[in-house]
């Protein structure tokens, strides 16, 4: 998966409004309830690469997006109306996050920048 100039595969929005890269959240450095251990849904302490949703796959839910949309496997839900133009997800740790370049207007690919 492409990482952006800051090295983040995902950006997490904390309850206090601060934004943290996946390197801090998925590794377990933050949040405190992970006790310093990587998230059990992470890949190598990073956000898993988004996968194409398959309506026939175990665990598929329309809450994650339509078949063919990209969605990280750790996402519980896509919340499209909340943060356009980026696609907003809720992870299994109940934190909100975005994948830089994954747009609500084109959820089947990751672009280099945000189109206005």
PDB file of N, CA and C in Angstrom:
ATOM      1  N   UNK A   1       0.849  -1.184   0.000  1.00  0.00           N
ATOM      2  CA  UNK A   1       0.000   0.000   0.000  1.00  0.00           C
ATOM      3  C   UNK A   1       0.879   1.227   0.000  1.00  0.00           C
ATOM      4  N   UNK A   2       0.462   2.228  -0.692  1.00  0.00           N
ATOM      5  CA  UNK A   2       1.190   3.482  -0.748  1.00  0.00           C
ATOM      6  C   UNK A   2       1.123   4.192   0.604  1.00  0.00           C
ATOM      7  N   UNK A   3       2.267   4.676   1.063  1.00  0.00           N
ATOM      8  CA  UNK A   3       2.272   5.531   2.243  1.00  0.00           C
ATOM      9  C   UNK A   3       2.552   6.944   1.769  1.00  0.00           C
ATOM     10  N   UNK A   4       2.004   7.893   2.465  1.00  0.00           N
ATOM     11  CA  UNK A   4       2.181   9.290   2.076  1.00  0.00           C
ATOM     12  C   UNK A   4       3.441   9.856   2.693  1.00  0.00           C
ATOM     13  N   UNK A   5       3.778  11.071   2.375  1.00  0.00           N
ATOM     14  CA  UNK A   5       5.057  11.668   2.757  1.00  0.00           C
ATOM     15  C   UNK A   5       5.338  11.590   4.249  1.00  0.00           C
ATOM     16  N   UNK A   6       4.313  11.537   5.062  1.00  0.00           N
ATOM     17  CA  UNK A   6       4.541  11.427   6.503  1.00  0.00           C
ATOM     18  C   UNK A   6       4.693   9.973   6.929  1.00  0.00           C
ATOM     19  N   UNK A   7       4.629   9.022   5.980  1.00  0.00           N
ATOM     20  CA  UNK A   7       4.792   7.609   6.284  1.00  0.00           C
ATOM     21  C   UNK A   7       3.539   6.926   6.784  1.00  0.00           C
ATOM     22  N   UNK A   8       2.445   7.634   6.907  1.00  0.00           N
ATOM     23  CA  UNK A   8       1.216   7.067   7.466  1.00  0.00           C
ATOM     24  C   UNK A   8       0.438   6.280   6.422  1.00  0.00           C
ATOM     25  N   UNK A   9      -0.016   5.093   6.813  1.00  0.00           N
ATOM     26  CA  UNK A   9      -0.945   4.311   6.004  1.00  0.00           C
ATOM     27  C   UNK A   9      -2.374   4.658   6.391  1.00  0.00           C
ATOM     28  N   UNK A  10      -2.525   5.258   7.561  1.00  0.00           N
ATOM     29  CA  UNK A  10      -3.822   5.681   8.058  1.00  0.00           C
ATOM     30  C   UNK A  10      -3.642   6.788   9.080  1.00  0.00           C
ATOM     31  N   UNK A  11      -4.652   7.624   9.205  1.00  0.00           N
ATOM     32  CA  UNK A  11      -4.652   8.707  10.191  1.00  0.00           C
ATOM     33  C   UNK A  11      -5.859   8.518  11.096  1.00  0.00           C
ATOM     34  N   UNK A  12      -5.605   8.460  12.400  1.00  0.00           N
ATOM     35  CA  UNK A  12      -6.651   8.214  13.385  1.00  0.00           C
ATOM     36  C   UNK A  12      -7.050   9.510  14.074  1.00  0.00           C
ATOM     37  N   UNK A  13      -8.331   9.703  14.256  1.00  0.00           N
ATOM     38  CA  UNK A  13      -8.865  10.887  14.908  1.00  0.00           C
ATOM     39  C   UNK A  13      -9.214  10.500  16.336  1.00  0.00           C
ATOM     40  N   UNK A  14      -8.470  11.048  17.291  1.00  0.00           N
ATOM     41  CA  UNK A  14      -8.682  10.724  18.703  1.00  0.00           C
ATOM     42  C   UNK A  14      -9.887  11.475  19.250  1.00  0.00           C
ATOM     43  N   UNK A  15     -10.450  10.985  20.362  1.00  0.00           N
ATOM     44  CA  UNK A  15     -11.595  11.672  20.968  1.00  0.00           C
ATOM     45  C   UNK A  15     -11.317  13.132  21.315  1.00  0.00           C
ATOM     46  N   UNK A  16     -10.049  13.467  21.562  1.00  0.00           N
ATOM     47  CA  UNK A  16      -9.699  14.855  21.888  1.00  0.00           C
ATOM     48  C   UNK A  16      -9.518  15.716  20.644  1.00  0.00           C
ATOM     49  N   UNK A  17      -9.740  15.128  19.457  1.00  0.00           N
ATOM     50  CA  UNK A  17      -9.637  15.871  18.199  1.00  0.00           C
ATOM     51  C   UNK A  17      -8.263  15.843  17.565  1.00  0.00           C
ATOM     52  N   UNK A  18      -7.269  15.283  18.237  1.00  0.00           N
ATOM     53  CA  UNK A  18      -5.929  15.190  17.664  1.00  0.00           C
ATOM     54  C   UNK A  18      -5.890  14.065  16.640  1.00  0.00           C
ATOM     55  N   UNK A  19      -4.987  14.201  15.680  1.00  0.00           N
ATOM     56  CA  UNK A  19      -4.828  13.210  14.622  1.00  0.00           C
ATOM     57  C   UNK A  19      -3.487  12.506  14.824  1.00  0.00           C
ATOM     58  N   UNK A  20      -3.525  11.168  14.801  1.00  0.00           N
ATOM     59  CA  UNK A  20      -2.335  10.361  15.012  1.00  0.00           C
ATOM     60  C   UNK A  20      -2.134   9.394  13.856  1.00  0.00           C
ATOM     61  N   UNK A  21      -0.872   9.137  13.448  1.00  0.00           N
ATOM     62  CA  UNK A  21      -0.618   8.160  12.383  1.00  0.00           C
ATOM     63  C   UNK A  21      -0.811   6.740  12.886  1.00  0.00           C
ATOM     64  N   UNK A  22      -1.027   5.832  11.964  1.00  0.00           N
ATOM     65  CA  UNK A  22      -1.213   4.423  12.317  1.00  0.00           C
ATOM     66  C   UNK A  22      -0.021   3.859  13.082  1.00  0.00           C
ATOM     67  N   UNK A  23       1.170   4.410  12.890  1.00  0.00           N
ATOM     68  CA  UNK A  23       2.353   3.909  13.592  1.00  0.00           C
ATOM     69  C   UNK A  23       2.214   4.038  15.104  1.00  0.00           C
ATOM     70  N   UNK A  24       1.475   5.032  15.569  1.00  0.00           N
ATOM     71  CA  UNK A  24       1.257   5.200  17.008  1.00  0.00           C
ATOM     72  C   UNK A  24       0.068   4.388  17.507  1.00  0.00           C
ATOM     73  N   UNK A  25      -0.987   4.317  16.728  1.00  0.00           N
ATOM     74  CA  UNK A  25      -2.210   3.643  17.167  1.00  0.00           C
ATOM     75  C   UNK A  25      -2.093   2.125  17.010  1.00  0.00           C
ATOM     76  N   UNK A  26      -1.772   1.654  15.831  1.00  0.00           N
ATOM     77  CA  UNK A  26      -1.753   0.213  15.572  1.00  0.00           C
ATOM     78  C   UNK A  26      -0.622  -0.500  16.320  1.00  0.00           C
ATOM     79  N   UNK A  27       0.439   0.220  16.642  1.00  0.00           N
ATOM     80  CA  UNK A  27       1.567  -0.368  17.377  1.00  0.00           C
ATOM     81  C   UNK A  27       1.251  -0.545  18.856  1.00  0.00           C
ATOM     82  N   UNK A  28       0.228   0.172  19.349  1.00  0.00           N
ATOM     83  CA  UNK A  28      -0.138   0.094  20.754  1.00  0.00           C
ATOM     84  C   UNK A  28       0.487   1.176  21.609  1.00  0.00           C
ATOM     85  N   UNK A  29       1.312   2.035  21.017  1.00  0.00           N
ATOM     86  CA  UNK A  29       1.866   3.159  21.781  1.00  0.00           C
ATOM     87  C   UNK A  29       0.717   4.000  22.319  1.00  0.00           C
ATOM     88  N   UNK A  30      -0.271   4.227  21.489  1.00  0.00           N
ATOM     89  CA  UNK A  30      -1.543   4.851  21.853  1.00  0.00           C
ATOM     90  C   UNK A  30      -2.625   3.936  21.289  1.00  0.00           C
ATOM     91  N   UNK A  31      -3.746   3.831  21.789  1.00  0.00           N
ATOM     92  CA  UNK A  31      -4.318   4.361  23.019  1.00  0.00           C
ATOM     93  C   UNK A  31      -3.935   3.503  24.227  1.00  0.00           C
ATOM     94  N   UNK A  32      -4.206   4.032  25.400  1.00  0.00           N
ATOM     95  CA  UNK A  32      -3.804   3.385  26.646  1.00  0.00           C
ATOM     96  C   UNK A  32      -4.425   2.002  26.827  1.00  0.00           C
ATOM     97  N   UNK A  33      -5.640   1.787  26.330  1.00  0.00           N
ATOM     98  CA  UNK A  33      -6.296   0.487  26.558  1.00  0.00           C
ATOM     99  C   UNK A  33      -5.610  -0.680  25.837  1.00  0.00           C
ATOM    100  N   UNK A  34      -4.664  -0.399  24.948  1.00  0.00           N
ATOM    101  CA  UNK A  34      -3.903  -1.472  24.309  1.00  0.00           C
ATOM    102  C   UNK A  34      -2.689  -1.882  25.149  1.00  0.00           C
ATOM    103  N   UNK A  35      -2.435  -1.169  26.243  1.00  0.00           N
ATOM    104  CA  UNK A  35      -1.352  -1.504  27.179  1.00  0.00           C
ATOM    105  C   UNK A  35       0.003  -1.646  26.500  1.00  0.00           C
ATOM    106  N   UNK A  36       0.262  -0.830  25.486  1.00  0.00           N
ATOM    107  CA  UNK A  36       1.560  -0.864  24.824  1.00  0.00           C
ATOM    108  C   UNK A  36       1.748  -2.028  23.876  1.00  0.00           C
ATOM    109  N   UNK A  37       0.719  -2.822  23.650  1.00  0.00           N
ATOM    110  CA  UNK A  37       0.802  -3.971  22.746  1.00  0.00           C
ATOM    111  C   UNK A  37       0.157  -3.604  21.412  1.00  0.00           C
ATOM    112  N   UNK A  38       0.673  -4.151  20.313  1.00  0.00           N
ATOM    113  CA  UNK A  38       0.053  -3.861  19.016  1.00  0.00           C
ATOM    114  C   UNK A  38      -1.412  -4.291  18.988  1.00  0.00           C
ATOM    115  N   UNK A  39      -2.202  -3.574  18.247  1.00  0.00           N
ATOM    116  CA  UNK A  39      -3.596  -3.932  18.054  1.00  0.00           C
ATOM    117  C   UNK A  39      -3.646  -5.347  17.466  1.00  0.00           C
ATOM    118  N   UNK A  40      -4.531  -6.199  17.969  1.00  0.00           N
ATOM    119  CA  UNK A  40      -4.602  -7.565  17.444  1.00  0.00           C
ATOM    120  C   UNK A  40      -5.047  -7.643  15.986  1.00  0.00           C
ATOM    121  N   UNK A  41      -5.567  -6.571  15.439  1.00  0.00           N
ATOM    122  CA  UNK A  41      -6.022  -6.553  14.056  1.00  0.00           C
ATOM    123  C   UNK A  41      -5.003  -5.904  13.120  1.00  0.00           C
ATOM    124  N   UNK A  42      -3.874  -5.415  13.670  1.00  0.00           N
ATOM    125  CA  UNK A  42      -2.835  -4.756  12.886  1.00  0.00           C
ATOM    126  C   UNK A  42      -1.988  -5.789  12.144  1.00  0.00           C
ATOM    127  N   UNK A  43      -1.268  -5.313  11.129  1.00  0.00           N
ATOM    128  CA  UNK A  43      -0.282  -6.124  10.423  1.00  0.00           C
ATOM    129  C   UNK A  43       1.071  -5.497  10.674  1.00  0.00           C
ATOM    130  N   UNK A  44       1.935  -6.210  11.371  1.00  0.00           N
ATOM    131  CA  UNK A  44       3.259  -5.678  11.712  1.00  0.00           C
ATOM    132  C   UNK A  44       3.153  -4.322  12.387  1.00  0.00           C
ATOM    133  N   UNK A  45       2.197  -4.191  13.302  1.00  0.00           N
ATOM    134  CA  UNK A  45       1.960  -2.974  14.082  1.00  0.00           C
ATOM    135  C   UNK A  45       1.606  -1.769  13.204  1.00  0.00           C
ATOM    136  N   UNK A  46       1.040  -2.020  12.030  1.00  0.00           N
ATOM    137  CA  UNK A  46       0.597  -0.971  11.109  1.00  0.00           C
ATOM    138  C   UNK A  46      -0.838  -1.263  10.681  1.00  0.00           C
ATOM    139  N   UNK A  47      -1.472  -0.268  10.086  1.00  0.00           N
ATOM    140  CA  UNK A  47      -2.805  -0.453   9.530  1.00  0.00           C
ATOM    141  C   UNK A  47      -2.725  -1.474   8.398  1.00  0.00           C
ATOM    142  N   UNK A  48      -3.588  -2.492   8.399  1.00  0.00           N
ATOM    143  CA  UNK A  48      -3.575  -3.457   7.293  1.00  0.00           C
ATOM    144  C   UNK A  48      -3.928  -2.775   5.974  1.00  0.00           C
ATOM    145  N   UNK A  49      -3.367  -3.286   4.908  1.00  0.00           N
ATOM    146  CA  UNK A  49      -3.672  -2.744   3.582  1.00  0.00           C
ATOM    147  C   UNK A  49      -5.153  -2.924   3.280  1.00  0.00           C
ATOM    148  N   UNK A  50      -5.782  -1.894   2.698  1.00  0.00           N
ATOM    149  CA  UNK A  50      -7.181  -2.040   2.302  1.00  0.00           C
ATOM    150  C   UNK A  50      -7.340  -3.171   1.285  1.00  0.00           C
ATOM    151  N   UNK A  51      -8.442  -3.888   1.393  1.00  0.00           N
ATOM    152  CA  UNK A  51      -8.763  -4.996   0.503  1.00  0.00           C
ATOM    153  C   UNK A  51     -10.086  -4.686  -0.198  1.00  0.00           C
ATOM    154  N   UNK A  52     -10.266  -5.273  -1.378  1.00  0.00           N
ATOM    155  CA  UNK A  52     -11.537  -5.123  -2.074  1.00  0.00           C
ATOM    156  C   UNK A  52     -12.604  -5.900  -1.319  1.00  0.00           C
ATOM    157  N   UNK A  53     -13.720  -5.255  -1.055  1.00  0.00           N
ATOM    158  CA  UNK A  53     -14.827  -5.922  -0.368  1.00  0.00           C
ATOM    159  C   UNK A  53     -15.489  -6.931  -1.298  1.00  0.00           C
ATOM    160  N   UNK A  54     -15.797  -8.093  -0.733  1.00  0.00           N
ATOM    161  CA  UNK A  54     -16.444  -9.174  -1.465  1.00  0.00           C
ATOM    162  C   UNK A  54     -17.703  -9.549  -0.703  1.00  0.00           C
ATOM    163  N   UNK A  55     -18.848  -9.394  -1.326  1.00  0.00           N
ATOM    164  CA  UNK A  55     -20.130  -9.675  -0.669  1.00  0.00           C
ATOM    165  C   UNK A  55     -20.237 -11.128  -0.212  1.00  0.00           C
ATOM    166  N   UNK A  56     -19.460 -12.035  -0.792  1.00  0.00           N
ATOM    167  CA  UNK A  56     -19.514 -13.454  -0.439  1.00  0.00           C
ATOM    168  C   UNK A  56     -18.528 -13.809   0.678  1.00  0.00           C
ATOM    169  N   UNK A  57     -17.668 -12.898   1.061  1.00  0.00           N
ATOM    170  CA  UNK A  57     -16.634 -13.174   2.067  1.00  0.00           C
ATOM    171  C   UNK A  57     -17.224 -13.219   3.476  1.00  0.00           C
ATOM    172  N   UNK A  58     -16.635 -14.044   4.307  1.00  0.00           N
ATOM    173  CA  UNK A  58     -17.018 -14.108   5.717  1.00  0.00           C
ATOM    174  C   UNK A  58     -16.718 -12.745   6.343  1.00  0.00           C
ATOM    175  N   UNK A  59     -17.640 -12.229   7.092  1.00  0.00           N
ATOM    176  CA  UNK A  59     -17.444 -10.947   7.756  1.00  0.00           C
ATOM    177  C   UNK A  59     -17.848  -9.736   6.929  1.00  0.00           C
ATOM    178  N   UNK A  60     -18.261  -9.961   5.675  1.00  0.00           N
ATOM    179  CA  UNK A  60     -18.694  -8.810   4.866  1.00  0.00           C
ATOM    180  C   UNK A  60     -19.965  -8.216   5.459  1.00  0.00           C
ATOM    181  N   UNK A  61     -20.017  -6.901   5.438  1.00  0.00           N
ATOM    182  CA  UNK A  61     -21.206  -6.171   5.862  1.00  0.00           C
ATOM    183  C   UNK A  61     -21.321  -4.931   4.991  1.00  0.00           C
ATOM    184  N   UNK A  62     -22.521  -4.597   4.598  1.00  0.00           N
ATOM    185  CA  UNK A  62     -22.737  -3.384   3.799  1.00  0.00           C
ATOM    186  C   UNK A  62     -22.281  -2.149   4.567  1.00  0.00           C
ATOM    187  N   UNK A  63     -22.183  -2.251   5.901  1.00  0.00           N
ATOM    188  CA  UNK A  63     -21.682  -1.140   6.711  1.00  0.00           C
ATOM    189  C   UNK A  63     -20.251  -0.770   6.348  1.00  0.00           C
ATOM    190  N   UNK A  64     -19.500  -1.710   5.777  1.00  0.00           N
ATOM    191  CA  UNK A  64     -18.104  -1.457   5.416  1.00  0.00           C
ATOM    192  C   UNK A  64     -17.985  -0.797   4.047  1.00  0.00           C
ATOM    193  N   UNK A  65     -18.997  -0.947   3.204  1.00  0.00           N
ATOM    194  CA  UNK A  65     -18.973  -0.391   1.854  1.00  0.00           C
ATOM    195  C   UNK A  65     -19.594  -1.370   0.882  1.00  0.00           C
ATOM    196  N   UNK A  66     -19.625  -0.970  -0.369  1.00  0.00           N
ATOM    197  CA  UNK A  66     -20.197  -1.815  -1.422  1.00  0.00           C
ATOM    198  C   UNK A  66     -19.151  -2.815  -1.905  1.00  0.00           C
ATOM    199  N   UNK A  67     -19.589  -3.956  -2.452  1.00  0.00           N
ATOM    200  CA  UNK A  67     -18.632  -4.890  -3.050  1.00  0.00           C
ATOM    201  C   UNK A  67     -17.767  -4.165  -4.087  1.00  0.00           C
ATOM    202  N   UNK A  68     -16.466  -4.418  -4.022  1.00  0.00           N
ATOM    203  CA  UNK A  68     -15.524  -3.767  -4.930  1.00  0.00           C
ATOM    204  C   UNK A  68     -14.863  -2.537  -4.342  1.00  0.00           C
ATOM    205  N   UNK A  69     -15.427  -1.966  -3.261  1.00  0.00           N
ATOM    206  CA  UNK A  69     -14.800  -0.834  -2.586  1.00  0.00           C
ATOM    207  C   UNK A  69     -13.591  -1.325  -1.800  1.00  0.00           C
ATOM    208  N   UNK A  70     -12.612  -0.464  -1.619  1.00  0.00           N
ATOM    209  CA  UNK A  70     -11.471  -0.784  -0.765  1.00  0.00           C
ATOM    210  C   UNK A  70     -11.821  -0.490   0.687  1.00  0.00           C
ATOM    211  N   UNK A  71     -11.406  -1.379   1.575  1.00  0.00           N
ATOM    212  CA  UNK A  71     -11.676  -1.226   3.002  1.00  0.00           C
ATOM    213  C   UNK A  71     -10.609  -1.995   3.776  1.00  0.00           C
ATOM    214  N   UNK A  72      -9.954  -1.375   4.762  1.00  0.00           N
ATOM    215  CA  UNK A  72      -9.025  -2.139   5.587  1.00  0.00           C
ATOM    216  C   UNK A  72      -9.780  -3.248   6.323  1.00  0.00           C
ATOM    217  N   UNK A  73      -9.200  -4.438   6.434  1.00  0.00           N
ATOM    218  CA  UNK A  73      -9.906  -5.552   7.077  1.00  0.00           C
ATOM    219  C   UNK A  73     -10.210  -5.319   8.551  1.00  0.00           C
ATOM    220  N   UNK A  74      -9.558  -4.361   9.175  1.00  0.00           N
ATOM    221  CA  UNK A  74      -9.804  -4.067  10.586  1.00  0.00           C
ATOM    222  C   UNK A  74     -10.969  -3.098  10.786  1.00  0.00           C
ATOM    223  N   UNK A  75     -11.522  -2.579   9.701  1.00  0.00           N
ATOM    224  CA  UNK A  75     -12.625  -1.626   9.811  1.00  0.00           C
ATOM    225  C   UNK A  75     -13.927  -2.333  10.141  1.00  0.00           C
ATOM    226  N   UNK A  76     -14.679  -1.758  11.055  1.00  0.00           N
ATOM    227  CA  UNK A  76     -16.007  -2.261  11.392  1.00  0.00           C
ATOM    228  C   UNK A  76     -17.068  -1.594  10.534  1.00  0.00           C
ATOM    229  N   UNK A  77     -16.794  -0.335  10.141  1.00  0.00           N
ATOM    230  CA  UNK A  77     -17.850   0.457   9.520  1.00  0.00           C
ATOM    231  C   UNK A  77     -17.245   1.597   8.718  1.00  0.00           C
ATOM    232  N   UNK A  78     -17.874   1.930   7.613  1.00  0.00           N
ATOM    233  CA  UNK A  78     -17.560   3.117   6.827  1.00  0.00           C
ATOM    234  C   UNK A  78     -18.607   4.160   7.156  1.00  0.00           C
ATOM    235  N   UNK A  79     -18.160   5.366   7.445  1.00  0.00           N
ATOM    236  CA  UNK A  79     -19.073   6.450   7.821  1.00  0.00           C
ATOM    237  C   UNK A  79     -18.974   7.563   6.781  1.00  0.00           C
ATOM    238  N   UNK A  80     -19.567   7.378   5.611  1.00  0.00           N
ATOM    239  CA  UNK A  80     -19.321   8.271   4.482  1.00  0.00           C
ATOM    240  C   UNK A  80     -19.759   9.703   4.655  1.00  0.00           C
ATOM    241  N   UNK A  81     -20.790   9.937   5.383  1.00  0.00           N
ATOM    242  CA  UNK A  81     -21.302  11.304   5.459  1.00  0.00           C
ATOM    243  C   UNK A  81     -20.524  12.195   6.415  1.00  0.00           C
ATOM    244  N   UNK A  82     -19.606  11.632   7.146  1.00  0.00           N
ATOM    245  CA  UNK A  82     -18.955  12.386   8.207  1.00  0.00           C
ATOM    246  C   UNK A  82     -17.783  13.242   7.762  1.00  0.00           C
ATOM    247  N   UNK A  83     -16.964  12.793   6.797  1.00  0.00           N
ATOM    248  CA  UNK A  83     -15.710  13.483   6.514  1.00  0.00           C
ATOM    249  C   UNK A  83     -15.366  13.426   5.031  1.00  0.00           C
ATOM    250  N   UNK A  84     -16.187  14.044   4.208  1.00  0.00           N
ATOM    251  CA  UNK A  84     -15.895  14.082   2.786  1.00  0.00           C
ATOM    252  C   UNK A  84     -14.710  15.008   2.536  1.00  0.00           C
ATOM    253  N   UNK A  85     -13.842  14.803   1.596  1.00  0.00           N
ATOM    254  CA  UNK A  85     -13.901  13.807   0.548  1.00  0.00           C
ATOM    255  C   UNK A  85     -13.273  12.464   0.925  1.00  0.00           C
ATOM    256  N   UNK A  86     -12.573  12.378   2.061  1.00  0.00           N
ATOM    257  CA  UNK A  86     -11.961  11.107   2.449  1.00  0.00           C
ATOM    258  C   UNK A  86     -12.997  10.139   2.986  1.00  0.00           C
ATOM    259  N   UNK A  87     -12.716   8.873   2.819  1.00  0.00           N
ATOM    260  CA  UNK A  87     -13.580   7.808   3.321  1.00  0.00           C
ATOM    261  C   UNK A  87     -13.243   7.593   4.793  1.00  0.00           C
ATOM    262  N   UNK A  88     -14.228   7.716   5.657  1.00  0.00           N
ATOM    263  CA  UNK A  88     -14.027   7.612   7.098  1.00  0.00           C
ATOM    264  C   UNK A  88     -14.461   6.234   7.580  1.00  0.00           C
ATOM    265  N   UNK A  89     -13.624   5.615   8.418  1.00  0.00           N
ATOM    266  CA  UNK A  89     -13.903   4.283   8.955  1.00  0.00           C
ATOM    267  C   UNK A  89     -13.883   4.319  10.478  1.00  0.00           C
ATOM    268  N   UNK A  90     -14.538   3.329  11.071  1.00  0.00           N
ATOM    269  CA  UNK A  90     -14.426   3.080  12.504  1.00  0.00           C
ATOM    270  C   UNK A  90     -13.735   1.728  12.634  1.00  0.00           C
ATOM    271  N   UNK A  91     -12.630   1.691  13.421  1.00  0.00           N
ATOM    272  CA  UNK A  91     -11.879   0.450  13.555  1.00  0.00           C
ATOM    273  C   UNK A  91     -12.457  -0.422  14.662  1.00  0.00           C
ATOM    274  N   UNK A  92     -11.922  -1.613  14.800  1.00  0.00           N
ATOM    275  CA  UNK A  92     -12.409  -2.557  15.801  1.00  0.00           C
ATOM    276  C   UNK A  92     -12.069  -2.122  17.218  1.00  0.00           C
ATOM    277  N   UNK A  93     -11.196  -1.124  17.344  1.00  0.00           N
ATOM    278  CA  UNK A  93     -10.896  -0.544  18.649  1.00  0.00           C
ATOM    279  C   UNK A  93     -11.772   0.691  18.905  1.00  0.00           C
ATOM    280  N   UNK A  94     -12.744   0.915  18.026  1.00  0.00           N
ATOM    281  CA  UNK A  94     -13.732   1.995  18.111  1.00  0.00           C
ATOM    282  C   UNK A  94     -13.146   3.387  17.888  1.00  0.00           C
ATOM    283  N   UNK A  95     -12.018   3.458  17.177  1.00  0.00           N
ATOM    284  CA  UNK A  95     -11.432   4.745  16.805  1.00  0.00           C
ATOM    285  C   UNK A  95     -11.792   5.042  15.358  1.00  0.00           C
ATOM    286  N   UNK A  96     -11.902   6.318  15.031  1.00  0.00           N
ATOM    287  CA  UNK A  96     -12.190   6.725  13.664  1.00  0.00           C
ATOM    288  C   UNK A  96     -10.868   6.940  12.942  1.00  0.00           C
ATOM    289  N   UNK A  97     -10.826   6.561  11.643  1.00  0.00           N
ATOM    290  CA  UNK A  97      -9.609   6.774  10.866  1.00  0.00           C
ATOM    291  C   UNK A  97      -9.923   6.945   9.392  1.00  0.00           C
ATOM    292  N   UNK A  98      -8.953   7.502   8.684  1.00  0.00           N
ATOM    293  CA  UNK A  98      -9.013   7.650   7.233  1.00  0.00           C
ATOM    294  C   UNK A  98      -7.760   7.027   6.644  1.00  0.00           C
ATOM    295  N   UNK A  99      -7.861   6.602   5.401  1.00  0.00           N
ATOM    296  CA  UNK A  99      -6.721   6.139   4.628  1.00  0.00           C
ATOM    297  C   UNK A  99      -6.410   7.266   3.655  1.00  0.00           C
ATOM    298  N   UNK A 100      -5.240   7.922   3.797  1.00  0.00           N
ATOM    299  CA  UNK A 100      -4.926   9.019   2.880  1.00  0.00           C
ATOM    300  C   UNK A 100      -5.042   8.571   1.422  1.00  0.00           C
ATOM    301  N   UNK A 101      -5.770   9.343   0.644  1.00  0.00           N
ATOM    302  CA  UNK A 101      -5.944   9.051  -0.771  1.00  0.00           C
ATOM    303  C   UNK A 101      -7.124   8.161  -1.113  1.00  0.00           C
ATOM    304  N   UNK A 102      -7.797   7.597  -0.110  1.00  0.00           N
ATOM    305  CA  UNK A 102      -8.986   6.776  -0.375  1.00  0.00           C
ATOM    306  C   UNK A 102     -10.206   7.680  -0.265  1.00  0.00           C
ATOM    307  N   UNK A 103     -10.742   8.035  -1.415  1.00  0.00           N
ATOM    308  CA  UNK A 103     -11.801   9.038  -1.496  1.00  0.00           C
ATOM    309  C   UNK A 103     -13.182   8.406  -1.527  1.00  0.00           C
ATOM    310  N   UNK A 104     -14.135   9.092  -0.943  1.00  0.00           N
ATOM    311  CA  UNK A 104     -15.528   8.643  -0.968  1.00  0.00           C
ATOM    312  C   UNK A 104     -16.056   8.631  -2.398  1.00  0.00           C
ATOM    313  N   UNK A 105     -15.593   9.560  -3.219  1.00  0.00           N
ATOM    314  CA  UNK A 105     -16.071   9.649  -4.600  1.00  0.00           C
ATOM    315  C   UNK A 105     -15.522   8.533  -5.492  1.00  0.00           C
ATOM    316  N   UNK A 106     -14.422   7.875  -5.082  1.00  0.00           N
ATOM    317  CA  UNK A 106     -13.828   6.788  -5.855  1.00  0.00           C
ATOM    318  C   UNK A 106     -13.219   5.772  -4.894  1.00  0.00           C
ATOM    319  N   UNK A 107     -14.065   4.968  -4.213  1.00  0.00           N
ATOM    320  CA  UNK A 107     -13.583   4.070  -3.177  1.00  0.00           C
ATOM    321  C   UNK A 107     -12.925   2.793  -3.686  1.00  0.00           C
ATOM    322  N   UNK A 108     -12.650   2.711  -4.986  1.00  0.00           N
ATOM    323  CA  UNK A 108     -12.057   1.493  -5.538  1.00  0.00           C
ATOM    324  C   UNK A 108     -10.556   1.615  -5.760  1.00  0.00           C
ATOM    325  N   UNK A 109      -9.977   2.788  -5.470  1.00  0.00           N
ATOM    326  CA  UNK A 109      -8.529   2.969  -5.644  1.00  0.00           C
ATOM    327  C   UNK A 109      -8.030   4.053  -4.698  1.00  0.00           C
ATOM    328  N   UNK A 110      -6.730   4.050  -4.489  1.00  0.00           N
ATOM    329  CA  UNK A 110      -6.099   5.059  -3.636  1.00  0.00           C
ATOM    330  C   UNK A 110      -5.370   6.028  -4.534  1.00  0.00           C
ATOM    331  N   UNK A 111      -5.677   7.314  -4.399  1.00  0.00           N
ATOM    332  CA  UNK A 111      -5.077   8.336  -5.242  1.00  0.00           C
ATOM    333  C   UNK A 111      -3.923   8.999  -4.499  1.00  0.00           C
ATOM    334  N   UNK A 112      -3.107   9.713  -5.236  1.00  0.00           N
ATOM    335  CA  UNK A 112      -1.948  10.394  -4.663  1.00  0.00           C
ATOM    336  C   UNK A 112      -2.324  11.627  -3.854  1.00  0.00           C
ATOM    337  N   UNK A 113      -3.433  12.245  -4.150  1.00  0.00           N
ATOM    338  CA  UNK A 113      -3.823  13.459  -3.448  1.00  0.00           C
ATOM    339  C   UNK A 113      -5.328  13.558  -3.362  1.00  0.00           C
ATOM    340  N   UNK A 114      -5.771  14.528  -2.603  1.00  0.00           N
ATOM    341  CA  UNK A 114      -7.207  14.750  -2.448  1.00  0.00           C
ATOM    342  C   UNK A 114      -7.673  15.687  -3.544  1.00  0.00           C
ATOM    343  N   UNK A 115      -8.674  15.249  -4.280  1.00  0.00           N
ATOM    344  CA  UNK A 115      -9.264  16.095  -5.321  1.00  0.00           C
ATOM    345  C   UNK A 115     -10.326  16.960  -4.687  1.00  0.00           C
ATOM    346  N   UNK A 116     -10.379  18.189  -5.120  1.00  0.00           N
ATOM    347  CA  UNK A 116     -11.413  19.106  -4.590  1.00  0.00           C
ATOM    348  C   UNK A 116     -12.529  19.227  -5.570  1.00  0.00           C
TER     349      UNK A 116
END
